[in-house]
Amino acid sequence: MAGRAPYTNLDPVRAAGLQRMGFDPLELDRATEQLLTYVCTSLIPDFPFPATGRLVARPVSDGVDRISRLPRALLCNIVSRLPASDAARTAALSSRWRTIWLSTQPVLVDAYLRKDDYVWPPTPANSRAITAVVSRILEAHPGPFRCVHLACSHMNAYQAQLARWLQLLAAKGVQDLVLVNRPWPCDVILPDALFTINTLVRLYIGLWKLPDTARLGSYRTFPHLRELGICSVVMEQGDVDAIVARSPVLEVLSIQGSNKGLRLHLVSESLRCVQICGSVVEDIAMVKAPLLERLILHGCRDLAGGMCTRIRILDAPNLRVVGFLEPANHVLKIRDTIIRAGMKESTTTSLTSVKILSLNVRFGIRGEAEMVPRFLKCFPNVKTLHIMSGKCNQSTGTLNLKFKEVPMEISMSGISEMYFHEFRGDEGEVAFLKSLFKSAYGLEKAAIMMANPSLTPFSPDDALSKVKSELSISPGHVVVLVSGGPEGGRPWSFQKGTDFSCEDPFSVVAVSRRTAKFSATGAA
């Protein structure tokens, strides 16, 4: 269309086709860019999202080149930390500088290769220029490449270059690779050459289609791969299982945006963390995972037709962190037993290793709320409990009485910390808190984060008064926060789950508008 800025992710032919079908290509283009930004900034740990500014050489007043006099090892260290384009420019300074650049293990980030002051997102025209520069750098430098992040190229138009890049990266020993396609289409097939890069330690791929893993054969492995992220990738059943089986030291598996009904049967002697977000999930089975510490499911939904996600924990003796379990959508199976309301607890239906648990519950739905004690009984040694309260317009009915009838002492007595997110003051929420404060004899800390009042039709003062009326029975002091964040909490990021230095990945630094502390007697 004359006078209209080019689309970021759509070529003119595809945009025109969408218009003929009655779709607004501009809206699709914007939505796609939002997805790409989310993948790059929230799902890929340490992704260097571009900032404004460039490396500029400034002459010193006396004209003496002191940098070139530094020891060679220090110069190599400095150059290796520069964006690849700036590092390559140092070769023009002198013959000594050229050998220095070629001796480094460079960090190649294509987001820093543009000539447009890092304007984001890159246009298709910029993508062509970036693709050419990436090719020149990969051909020119002998390697090894310590880190390569490529997320600016529309690879459907450059599939030959992509195959060549992967061949070069395999030959030159890349350790950290991020490879994100800029759609459309979103299902460009990754070349088989990806599976020949046997030096990889960390791999994140986004917006691709996996090749047929069965055809690749078992001889292609990732012997050093410790971290794998698969973001909005089209894949067939068994693909992930096959990659995990070929990665003998893999510790972290992260999956986002799988829409085909994911089924995972994981057998791994090395996995420590499995996290899946924003995906359609049918079945997840921890068949044999002796080192698994964290199992995190966020925003996982069932297939159309009401099928629920089945979570089977068969052999994971070291599991310490589990979330975000949803009583409405998750069918929990521990060893050989499916967990149901009303069943008696036993050693075969409990996981004593779990210390931190997060539940997503709509307390307005009686069946969901009544499953909370049943789920808690499966994790008898939980010390830290997170509750995310889901929005619900249904009546709670006699839920308060029902909570009183449930022997909550058994399932809550060992909890020492509780964090209740998105509190709105509903009857079911208040009933749960009352039961918790009566039953959790070891409770030392409780934080109640009220939902953002600007996004929900409730009065913070009314909700606060409901909390105060119940805190007179609290065994300790409680902190009440009024959230200024988005409704339902902030999106999950893979960084939280993979940070093993943080004992509780569900903990957040709440941005509060109002904070109130209450003692055991309810006084402010």
Protein backbone atom coordinates (compact mmCIF):
# COMPACT_ATOMS: atom_id res chain seq x y z
CA MET A 1 0.00 0.00 0.00
CA ALA A 2 1.50 3.32 -1.11
CA GLY A 3 2.84 5.50 1.67
CA ARG A 4 2.53 2.76 4.29
CA ALA A 5 5.51 1.72 6.36
CA PRO A 6 6.67 -1.83 5.60
CA TYR A 7 5.58 -4.61 7.90
CA THR A 8 8.11 -5.93 10.35
CA ASN A 9 7.35 -9.62 9.91
CA LEU A 10 5.11 -9.94 6.85
CA ASP A 11 6.17 -9.73 3.23
CA PRO A 12 3.88 -7.77 0.86
CA VAL A 13 2.53 -10.92 -0.82
CA ARG A 14 1.48 -12.52 2.47
CA ALA A 15 0.03 -9.24 3.75
CA ALA A 16 -2.07 -8.85 0.59
CA GLY A 17 -3.31 -12.44 0.93
CA LEU A 18 -4.42 -11.80 4.51
CA GLN A 19 -6.28 -8.69 3.45
CA ARG A 20 -8.17 -10.66 0.80
CA MET A 21 -9.25 -13.13 3.49
CA GLY A 22 -10.56 -10.30 5.67
CA PHE A 23 -7.70 -10.17 8.18
CA ASP A 24 -5.82 -7.05 9.21
CA PRO A 25 -2.15 -7.81 8.46
CA LEU A 26 -1.04 -4.89 10.62
CA GLU A 27 -2.65 -6.42 13.71
CA LEU A 28 -1.07 -9.80 12.98
CA ASP A 29 2.28 -8.12 12.44
CA ARG A 30 2.04 -6.37 15.81
CA ALA A 31 0.96 -9.53 17.63
CA THR A 32 3.85 -11.44 16.08
CA GLU A 33 6.32 -8.80 17.16
CA GLN A 34 4.96 -8.93 20.71
CA LEU A 35 5.52 -12.70 20.72
CA LEU A 36 9.06 -12.29 19.43
CA THR A 37 9.85 -9.65 22.04
CA TYR A 38 8.43 -11.90 24.77
CA VAL A 39 10.50 -14.86 23.55
CA CYS A 40 13.69 -12.81 23.45
CA THR A 41 13.29 -10.82 26.67
CA SER A 42 11.40 -13.16 29.02
CA LEU A 43 12.20 -16.68 27.91
CA ILE A 44 15.85 -16.51 26.88
CA PRO A 45 18.07 -15.93 29.92
CA ASP A 46 20.56 -13.09 29.52
CA PHE A 47 19.37 -12.21 26.02
CA PRO A 48 21.11 -8.88 25.24
CA PHE A 49 18.10 -6.93 24.04
CA PRO A 50 19.44 -3.91 22.13
CA ALA A 51 19.92 -0.59 23.79
CA THR A 52 20.61 2.75 22.18
CA GLY A 53 24.15 3.91 21.61
CA ARG A 54 27.22 2.70 19.80
CA LEU A 55 30.88 2.20 20.55
CA VAL A 56 32.66 5.47 19.75
CA ALA A 57 36.42 5.99 19.81
CA ARG A 58 37.39 9.25 21.51
CA PRO A 59 40.96 10.50 21.13
CA VAL A 60 42.86 11.43 24.27
CA SER A 61 44.23 14.92 24.65
CA ASP A 62 47.93 14.00 24.29
CA GLY A 63 47.37 11.67 21.32
CA VAL A 64 49.18 8.73 22.97
CA ASP A 65 47.73 5.25 22.23
CA ARG A 66 47.94 3.66 25.66
CA ILE A 67 45.43 0.87 24.95
CA SER A 68 47.61 -0.78 22.32
CA ARG A 69 50.43 -1.02 24.87
CA LEU A 70 48.38 -3.28 27.15
CA PRO A 71 49.36 -6.95 27.40
CA ARG A 72 47.99 -9.13 24.61
CA ALA A 73 45.96 -11.32 26.96
CA LEU A 74 44.18 -8.27 28.38
CA LEU A 75 43.47 -6.88 24.90
CA CYS A 76 41.99 -10.22 23.84
CA ASN A 77 39.77 -10.15 26.92
CA ILE A 78 38.58 -6.62 26.10
CA VAL A 79 37.89 -7.33 22.43
CA SER A 80 36.02 -10.55 23.22
CA ARG A 81 33.50 -8.53 25.23
CA LEU A 82 32.69 -6.11 22.42
CA PRO A 83 29.79 -6.59 20.01
CA ALA A 84 31.13 -8.60 17.07
CA SER A 85 30.88 -5.72 14.60
CA ASP A 86 32.85 -3.39 16.89
CA ALA A 87 35.37 -6.14 17.67
CA ALA A 88 35.92 -6.74 13.97
CA ARG A 89 36.55 -3.02 13.40
CA THR A 90 39.53 -3.15 15.74
CA ALA A 91 41.32 -5.21 13.06
CA ALA A 92 41.61 -2.05 10.98
CA LEU A 93 43.78 -0.35 13.61
CA SER A 94 46.97 -2.31 12.88
CA SER A 95 48.27 -5.75 12.03
CA ARG A 96 48.62 -6.47 15.75
CA TRP A 97 44.97 -5.65 16.39
CA ARG A 98 43.92 -7.92 13.53
CA THR A 99 45.60 -10.91 15.13
CA ILE A 100 44.04 -9.99 18.45
CA TRP A 101 40.49 -10.09 17.07
CA LEU A 102 41.15 -13.41 15.34
CA SER A 103 42.49 -14.82 18.64
CA THR A 104 39.40 -14.04 20.68
CA GLN A 105 36.31 -16.12 21.34
CA PRO A 106 33.80 -13.54 20.09
CA VAL A 107 30.23 -12.89 21.14
CA LEU A 108 28.12 -12.53 18.01
CA VAL A 109 24.75 -10.84 18.62
CA ASP A 110 23.00 -9.82 15.43
CA ALA A 111 20.87 -7.24 17.27
CA TYR A 112 24.05 -5.14 17.48
CA LEU A 113 24.88 -5.37 13.78
CA ARG A 114 22.38 -2.82 12.48
CA LYS A 115 23.34 0.59 11.16
CA ASP A 116 20.15 2.27 12.34
CA ASP A 117 21.06 3.13 15.94
CA TYR A 118 19.63 -0.14 17.20
CA VAL A 119 16.04 0.71 16.23
CA TRP A 120 13.89 -2.24 17.20
CA PRO A 121 12.32 -4.22 15.60
CA PRO A 122 14.44 -4.68 12.48
CA THR A 123 12.65 -4.29 9.16
CA PRO A 124 12.97 -6.83 6.32
CA ALA A 125 15.46 -4.47 4.66
CA ASN A 126 17.57 -4.41 7.80
CA SER A 127 17.24 -8.18 8.00
CA ARG A 128 18.93 -8.55 4.61
CA ALA A 129 21.86 -6.39 5.70
CA ILE A 130 22.18 -8.19 9.03
CA THR A 131 22.12 -11.60 7.37
CA ALA A 132 24.96 -10.57 5.08
CA VAL A 133 27.09 -9.28 7.99
CA VAL A 134 26.51 -12.47 10.02
CA SER A 135 27.66 -14.54 7.06
CA ARG A 136 30.84 -12.49 6.67
CA ILE A 137 31.73 -12.72 10.36
CA LEU A 138 31.12 -16.47 10.58
CA GLU A 139 33.21 -17.08 7.47
CA ALA A 140 36.06 -14.76 8.50
CA HIS A 141 36.64 -15.68 12.13
CA PRO A 142 38.34 -19.04 12.82
CA GLY A 143 36.46 -19.57 16.08
CA PRO A 144 35.63 -20.84 18.53
CA PHE A 145 32.55 -18.69 19.10
CA ARG A 146 31.71 -18.46 22.79
CA CYS A 147 28.22 -17.05 22.28
CA VAL A 148 26.04 -16.50 19.19
CA HIS A 149 22.57 -14.90 19.39
CA LEU A 150 20.71 -14.63 16.08
CA ALA A 151 17.17 -13.23 16.18
CA CYS A 152 16.93 -10.58 13.47
CA SER A 153 16.77 -12.51 10.19
CA HIS A 154 13.70 -13.63 8.22
CA MET A 155 15.16 -17.05 7.65
CA ASN A 156 12.52 -18.34 5.24
CA ALA A 157 14.22 -16.16 2.61
CA TYR A 158 17.74 -17.24 3.62
CA GLN A 159 17.53 -20.98 4.23
CA ALA A 160 20.76 -21.67 2.34
CA GLN A 161 22.59 -19.14 4.51
CA LEU A 162 21.05 -20.69 7.65
CA ALA A 163 22.33 -24.13 6.73
CA ARG A 164 25.78 -22.68 6.07
CA TRP A 165 25.76 -20.84 9.42
CA LEU A 166 25.03 -24.03 11.32
CA GLN A 167 27.78 -25.87 9.46
CA LEU A 168 30.26 -23.13 10.36
CA LEU A 169 29.14 -23.04 13.99
CA ALA A 170 29.58 -26.80 14.20
CA ALA A 171 33.06 -26.55 12.72
CA LYS A 172 34.06 -23.57 14.89
CA GLY A 173 32.77 -24.84 18.21
CA VAL A 174 29.98 -22.54 19.42
CA GLN A 175 29.03 -23.09 23.06
CA ASP A 176 26.01 -20.80 23.57
CA LEU A 177 23.52 -20.52 20.69
CA VAL A 178 20.24 -18.62 20.48
CA LEU A 179 18.47 -19.04 17.15
CA VAL A 180 15.13 -17.27 16.65
CA ASN A 181 13.37 -16.99 13.30
CA ARG A 182 11.48 -13.85 12.36
CA PRO A 183 8.19 -15.07 10.84
CA TRP A 184 6.30 -15.40 8.64
CA PRO A 185 6.04 -18.35 8.11
CA CYS A 186 6.52 -19.68 11.65
CA ASP A 187 7.32 -23.24 10.61
CA VAL A 188 10.60 -22.90 8.74
CA ILE A 189 12.32 -26.27 9.22
CA LEU A 190 15.58 -26.19 11.12
CA PRO A 191 18.41 -27.77 9.09
CA ASP A 192 19.75 -31.12 10.25
CA ALA A 193 23.10 -29.40 10.73
CA LEU A 194 21.88 -28.08 14.08
CA PHE A 195 22.27 -31.59 15.47
CA THR A 196 25.93 -31.74 14.41
CA ILE A 197 26.99 -28.96 16.81
CA ASN A 198 28.40 -31.18 19.52
CA THR A 199 30.07 -28.33 21.45
CA LEU A 200 26.82 -26.71 22.60
CA VAL A 201 26.40 -26.04 26.31
CA ARG A 202 23.26 -23.90 26.00
CA LEU A 203 20.71 -23.86 23.16
CA TYR A 204 17.55 -21.78 22.73
CA ILE A 205 15.50 -22.03 19.54
CA GLY A 206 12.38 -20.03 18.74
CA LEU A 207 9.69 -19.98 16.03
CA TRP A 208 10.87 -22.93 13.95
CA LYS A 209 9.82 -26.43 13.05
CA LEU A 210 11.97 -29.29 14.25
CA PRO A 211 13.25 -31.74 11.66
CA ASP A 212 12.26 -35.38 11.90
CA THR A 213 14.26 -36.50 14.92
CA ALA A 214 13.66 -40.18 14.13
CA ARG A 215 15.34 -39.72 10.76
CA LEU A 216 18.41 -38.11 12.34
CA GLY A 217 19.46 -41.32 14.06
CA SER A 218 20.75 -41.84 17.59
CA TYR A 219 24.37 -41.06 16.70
CA ARG A 220 23.72 -37.31 16.66
CA THR A 221 23.92 -36.17 20.25
CA PHE A 222 24.56 -33.08 22.35
CA PRO A 223 27.23 -34.48 24.69
CA HIS A 224 27.83 -31.17 26.53
CA LEU A 225 24.37 -29.57 26.42
CA ARG A 226 23.19 -28.45 29.86
CA GLU A 227 20.36 -26.03 29.04
CA LEU A 228 17.72 -26.32 26.31
CA GLY A 229 14.93 -23.86 25.54
CA ILE A 230 12.26 -24.57 22.89
CA CYS A 231 10.05 -21.53 22.26
CA SER A 232 7.03 -21.56 19.92
CA VAL A 233 8.47 -24.42 17.89
CA VAL A 234 6.36 -26.80 15.80
CA MET A 235 7.28 -30.35 16.76
CA GLU A 236 5.91 -33.86 16.66
CA GLN A 237 5.29 -36.25 19.53
CA GLY A 238 8.51 -37.79 20.73
CA ASP A 239 10.80 -35.04 19.43
CA VAL A 240 11.58 -33.60 22.86
CA ASP A 241 11.99 -37.04 24.42
CA ALA A 242 14.49 -37.91 21.70
CA ILE A 243 16.53 -34.74 22.23
CA VAL A 244 16.59 -35.27 26.00
CA ALA A 245 17.73 -38.85 25.48
CA ARG A 246 20.61 -37.56 23.29
CA SER A 247 21.72 -35.02 25.93
CA PRO A 248 23.40 -37.02 28.72
CA VAL A 249 24.27 -33.99 30.91
CA LEU A 250 21.15 -31.86 30.28
CA GLU A 251 20.06 -30.05 33.46
CA VAL A 252 17.40 -27.57 32.30
CA LEU A 253 14.55 -28.15 29.86
CA SER A 254 12.25 -25.20 29.11
CA ILE A 255 9.34 -25.29 26.65
CA GLN A 256 7.00 -22.46 25.62
CA GLY A 257 4.22 -22.14 23.08
CA SER A 258 3.60 -25.75 22.07
CA ASN A 259 0.08 -25.89 20.59
CA LYS A 260 -0.28 -29.50 19.41
CA GLY A 261 -0.96 -31.24 22.70
CA LEU A 262 2.44 -31.91 24.21
CA ARG A 263 3.27 -35.32 25.59
CA LEU A 264 6.50 -35.83 27.50
CA HIS A 265 7.83 -39.08 28.92
CA LEU A 266 11.10 -37.98 30.44
CA VAL A 267 13.90 -40.33 31.33
CA SER A 268 17.06 -38.50 32.33
CA GLU A 269 19.82 -39.06 34.85
CA SER A 270 20.81 -35.39 34.76
CA LEU A 271 17.68 -33.17 34.54
CA ARG A 272 17.31 -30.74 37.45
CA CYS A 273 14.61 -28.39 36.16
CA VAL A 274 11.65 -28.84 33.78
CA GLN A 275 9.48 -25.82 33.05
CA ILE A 276 6.66 -25.48 30.53
CA CYS A 277 4.64 -22.33 29.94
CA GLY A 278 1.92 -21.14 27.59
CA SER A 279 1.44 -24.57 26.02
CA VAL A 280 -1.24 -27.12 25.27
CA VAL A 281 -0.22 -30.12 27.34
CA GLU A 282 -1.81 -33.56 27.38
CA ASP A 283 0.57 -35.62 29.46
CA ILE A 284 3.79 -35.09 31.36
CA ALA A 285 5.46 -38.11 32.94
CA MET A 286 8.56 -37.95 35.11
CA VAL A 287 9.35 -41.60 34.36
CA LYS A 288 12.85 -41.59 35.82
CA ALA A 289 14.44 -38.33 36.91
CA PRO A 290 16.56 -38.95 40.03
CA LEU A 291 18.08 -35.43 40.10
CA LEU A 292 14.96 -33.44 39.21
CA GLU A 293 14.51 -30.55 41.66
CA ARG A 294 11.93 -28.31 39.94
CA LEU A 295 8.77 -29.00 37.96
CA ILE A 296 7.09 -25.77 36.86
CA LEU A 297 3.98 -25.53 34.69
CA HIS A 298 2.68 -22.02 33.97
CA GLY A 299 -0.27 -21.13 31.78
CA CYS A 300 -0.57 -24.66 30.43
CA ARG A 301 -4.01 -25.40 29.02
CA ASP A 302 -5.88 -28.46 27.92
CA LEU A 303 -7.07 -29.37 24.46
CA ALA A 304 -10.43 -28.28 23.08
CA GLY A 305 -13.07 -30.65 24.37
CA GLY A 306 -12.31 -30.43 28.07
CA MET A 307 -9.38 -32.83 28.34
CA CYS A 308 -7.17 -32.12 31.35
CA THR A 309 -3.42 -32.15 31.59
CA ARG A 310 -2.20 -35.33 33.25
CA ILE A 311 0.86 -34.90 35.45
CA ARG A 312 2.52 -38.17 36.42
CA ILE A 313 5.34 -38.19 38.93
CA LEU A 314 6.62 -41.74 38.88
CA ASP A 315 10.26 -41.54 39.98
CA ALA A 316 11.59 -38.13 41.08
CA PRO A 317 12.94 -38.61 44.62
CA ASN A 318 14.76 -35.25 44.72
CA LEU A 319 11.82 -33.06 43.66
CA ARG A 320 11.70 -29.94 45.89
CA VAL A 321 9.75 -27.29 43.95
CA VAL A 322 6.39 -27.83 42.20
CA GLY A 323 4.06 -25.27 40.61
CA PHE A 324 1.75 -23.93 39.32
CA LEU A 325 -0.63 -26.83 39.90
CA GLU A 326 -4.27 -26.19 38.96
CA PRO A 327 -6.90 -28.40 40.61
CA ALA A 328 -9.34 -27.64 37.79
CA ASN A 329 -7.07 -28.48 34.86
CA HIS A 330 -4.41 -30.85 36.20
CA VAL A 331 -4.94 -34.51 36.95
CA LEU A 332 -2.17 -35.41 39.37
CA LYS A 333 -0.91 -38.98 39.47
CA ILE A 334 1.70 -39.98 42.01
CA ARG A 335 3.30 -43.29 41.23
CA ASP A 336 0.30 -45.54 40.45
CA THR A 337 -2.49 -43.49 42.06
CA ILE A 338 -4.61 -40.68 40.61
CA ILE A 339 -5.31 -38.03 43.26
CA ARG A 340 -9.04 -37.45 43.85
CA ALA A 341 -11.10 -35.58 46.41
CA GLY A 342 -12.05 -37.63 49.46
CA MET A 343 -9.35 -40.28 49.12
CA LYS A 344 -7.20 -41.23 52.09
CA GLU A 345 -3.59 -40.21 52.15
CA SER A 346 -0.83 -42.82 52.19
CA THR A 347 2.88 -43.15 51.60
CA THR A 348 2.19 -44.13 47.99
CA THR A 349 0.25 -40.91 47.30
CA SER A 350 2.66 -38.40 48.82
CA LEU A 351 5.92 -36.73 47.80
CA THR A 352 7.82 -35.99 50.99
CA SER A 353 10.73 -34.28 49.23
CA VAL A 354 8.70 -31.23 48.04
CA LYS A 355 9.30 -28.12 50.17
CA ILE A 356 7.89 -25.33 47.96
CA LEU A 357 4.48 -25.58 46.30
CA SER A 358 2.43 -23.17 44.17
CA LEU A 359 -1.28 -23.67 43.42
CA ASN A 360 -3.59 -21.76 41.06
CA VAL A 361 -7.14 -21.93 42.43
CA ARG A 362 -10.50 -20.35 41.65
CA PHE A 363 -12.02 -20.33 45.09
CA GLY A 364 -15.39 -19.41 43.65
CA ILE A 365 -15.70 -22.91 42.19
CA ARG A 366 -16.47 -25.32 45.00
CA GLY A 367 -14.93 -28.37 43.34
CA GLU A 368 -11.62 -26.59 42.79
CA ALA A 369 -11.44 -25.17 46.30
CA GLU A 370 -12.17 -28.52 47.89
CA MET A 371 -9.28 -30.11 46.00
CA VAL A 372 -6.78 -27.78 47.70
CA PRO A 373 -6.54 -29.84 50.93
CA ARG A 374 -6.29 -33.01 48.84
CA PHE A 375 -3.39 -31.60 46.82
CA LEU A 376 -1.70 -30.35 49.98
CA LYS A 377 -1.86 -33.81 51.54
CA CYS A 378 0.21 -35.09 48.61
CA PHE A 379 3.03 -32.80 49.73
CA PRO A 380 3.11 -33.23 53.53
CA ASN A 381 6.50 -31.55 54.07
CA VAL A 382 5.79 -28.29 52.24
CA LYS A 383 7.26 -25.33 54.10
CA THR A 384 6.43 -22.53 51.64
CA LEU A 385 3.01 -22.32 50.01
CA HIS A 386 2.07 -19.94 47.18
CA ILE A 387 -1.58 -19.48 46.25
CA MET A 388 -2.60 -17.66 43.06
CA SER A 389 -6.31 -16.87 43.33
CA GLY A 390 -8.05 -17.00 39.97
CA LYS A 391 -10.83 -14.61 39.05
CA CYS A 392 -14.30 -16.17 39.15
CA ASN A 393 -17.79 -14.69 38.93
CA GLN A 394 -19.60 -17.76 40.26
CA SER A 395 -21.17 -17.86 43.70
CA THR A 396 -19.18 -19.56 46.45
CA GLY A 397 -22.34 -20.97 48.03
CA THR A 398 -21.61 -22.88 51.24
CA LEU A 399 -17.90 -23.07 50.59
CA ASN A 400 -17.07 -21.55 53.97
CA LEU A 401 -18.83 -24.38 55.79
CA LYS A 402 -17.23 -26.95 53.54
CA PHE A 403 -13.75 -25.70 54.38
CA LYS A 404 -14.56 -26.12 58.06
CA GLU A 405 -15.49 -29.72 57.49
CA VAL A 406 -12.16 -30.56 55.83
CA PRO A 407 -9.37 -31.62 58.26
CA MET A 408 -7.01 -28.84 57.18
CA GLU A 409 -4.67 -29.43 60.13
CA ILE A 410 -3.29 -32.52 58.46
CA SER A 411 -2.37 -30.74 55.24
CA MET A 412 -1.28 -27.34 56.56
CA SER A 413 0.36 -27.96 59.92
CA GLY A 414 3.93 -27.85 58.60
CA ILE A 415 3.66 -24.65 56.50
CA SER A 416 5.95 -21.88 57.77
CA GLU A 417 5.49 -19.34 54.94
CA MET A 418 2.40 -18.53 52.89
CA TYR A 419 1.99 -16.07 50.01
CA PHE A 420 -1.52 -15.40 48.74
CA HIS A 421 -1.58 -13.62 45.37
CA GLU A 422 -4.46 -11.71 43.74
CA PHE A 423 -6.66 -11.50 46.84
CA ARG A 424 -10.03 -9.85 46.09
CA GLY A 425 -11.87 -10.41 49.35
CA ASP A 426 -14.21 -13.09 47.97
CA GLU A 427 -15.93 -15.40 50.42
CA GLY A 428 -13.99 -18.46 49.31
CA GLU A 429 -10.65 -16.67 49.69
CA VAL A 430 -11.54 -15.51 53.20
CA ALA A 431 -12.66 -19.01 54.13
CA PHE A 432 -9.39 -20.49 52.97
CA LEU A 433 -7.33 -17.94 54.90
CA LYS A 434 -9.36 -18.55 58.04
CA SER A 435 -8.74 -22.29 57.77
CA LEU A 436 -5.05 -21.75 57.09
CA PHE A 437 -4.53 -19.45 60.06
CA LYS A 438 -6.26 -21.95 62.34
CA SER A 439 -4.43 -25.00 61.02
CA ALA A 440 -0.90 -23.87 60.15
CA TYR A 441 0.57 -24.07 63.66
CA GLY A 442 4.10 -23.42 62.42
CA LEU A 443 3.24 -20.39 60.29
CA GLU A 444 5.89 -17.71 60.77
CA LYS A 445 5.26 -15.43 57.79
CA ALA A 446 2.25 -14.68 55.63
CA ALA A 447 1.91 -12.16 52.84
CA ILE A 448 -1.39 -11.30 51.17
CA MET A 449 -1.07 -9.50 47.83
CA MET A 450 -4.34 -7.82 46.89
CA ALA A 451 -5.23 -7.58 43.21
CA ASN A 452 -4.61 -4.28 41.48
CA PRO A 453 -7.76 -2.23 42.24
CA SER A 454 -7.46 -0.36 38.95
CA LEU A 455 -8.02 -3.62 37.07
CA THR A 456 -10.62 -5.31 39.28
CA PRO A 457 -14.04 -4.09 40.45
CA PHE A 458 -13.42 -4.27 44.18
CA SER A 459 -12.61 -1.82 46.95
CA PRO A 460 -9.19 -2.22 48.56
CA ASP A 461 -10.60 -0.90 51.82
CA ASP A 462 -13.35 -3.51 51.88
CA ALA A 463 -10.90 -6.32 51.08
CA LEU A 464 -8.48 -5.00 53.68
CA SER A 465 -11.18 -4.97 56.34
CA LYS A 466 -12.00 -8.61 55.57
CA VAL A 467 -8.37 -9.55 56.03
CA LYS A 468 -8.14 -7.65 59.34
CA SER A 469 -11.24 -9.39 60.66
CA GLU A 470 -9.59 -12.78 60.15
CA LEU A 471 -6.08 -11.92 61.32
CA SER A 472 -7.08 -11.99 64.98
CA ILE A 473 -6.56 -15.75 64.80
CA SER A 474 -3.22 -15.55 63.00
CA PRO A 475 -0.32 -17.18 64.86
CA GLY A 476 2.06 -14.47 63.70
CA HIS A 477 2.16 -11.15 61.92
CA VAL A 478 0.91 -10.78 58.36
CA VAL A 479 1.95 -8.36 55.64
CA VAL A 480 -0.77 -7.06 53.34
CA LEU A 481 0.19 -5.51 50.00
CA VAL A 482 -1.90 -3.81 47.35
CA SER A 483 -0.48 -4.73 43.97
CA GLY A 484 0.21 -2.24 41.23
CA GLY A 485 1.00 -4.99 38.72
CA PRO A 486 -1.12 -6.59 35.99
CA GLU A 487 -4.19 -8.65 36.82
CA GLY A 488 -3.27 -12.28 37.35
CA GLY A 489 0.38 -11.52 38.04
CA ARG A 490 3.29 -11.05 35.70
CA PRO A 491 4.17 -13.58 32.98
CA TRP A 492 6.50 -16.38 33.96
CA SER A 493 10.08 -16.11 32.81
CA PHE A 494 12.50 -18.96 32.34
CA GLN A 495 15.14 -16.98 34.22
CA LYS A 496 13.23 -17.49 37.48
CA GLY A 497 13.16 -21.23 37.12
CA THR A 498 16.78 -21.65 36.06
CA ASP A 499 18.22 -19.53 38.87
CA PHE A 500 19.26 -22.25 41.29
CA SER A 501 20.82 -19.66 43.58
CA CYS A 502 17.24 -18.60 44.40
CA GLU A 503 15.70 -21.26 46.61
CA ASP A 504 12.12 -20.16 45.86
CA PRO A 505 11.57 -19.32 42.17
CA PHE A 506 7.96 -18.27 42.87
CA SER A 507 8.99 -15.47 45.21
CA VAL A 508 8.46 -11.97 43.84
CA VAL A 509 9.32 -8.46 44.88
CA ALA A 510 5.84 -6.99 45.10
CA VAL A 511 5.27 -3.43 43.91
CA SER A 512 2.81 -2.18 46.51
CA ARG A 513 0.69 0.90 46.81
CA ARG A 514 -0.13 0.26 50.44
CA THR A 515 1.45 -1.95 53.06
CA ALA A 516 -0.05 -2.86 56.42
CA LYS A 517 1.38 -5.11 59.12
CA PHE A 518 -0.85 -6.81 61.64
CA SER A 519 0.11 -8.64 64.80
CA ALA A 520 -1.53 -11.77 66.10
CA THR A 521 -4.23 -9.60 67.67
CA GLY A 522 -5.01 -7.85 64.40
CA ALA A 523 -3.70 -4.42 65.43
CA ALA A 524 -2.01 -2.31 62.78
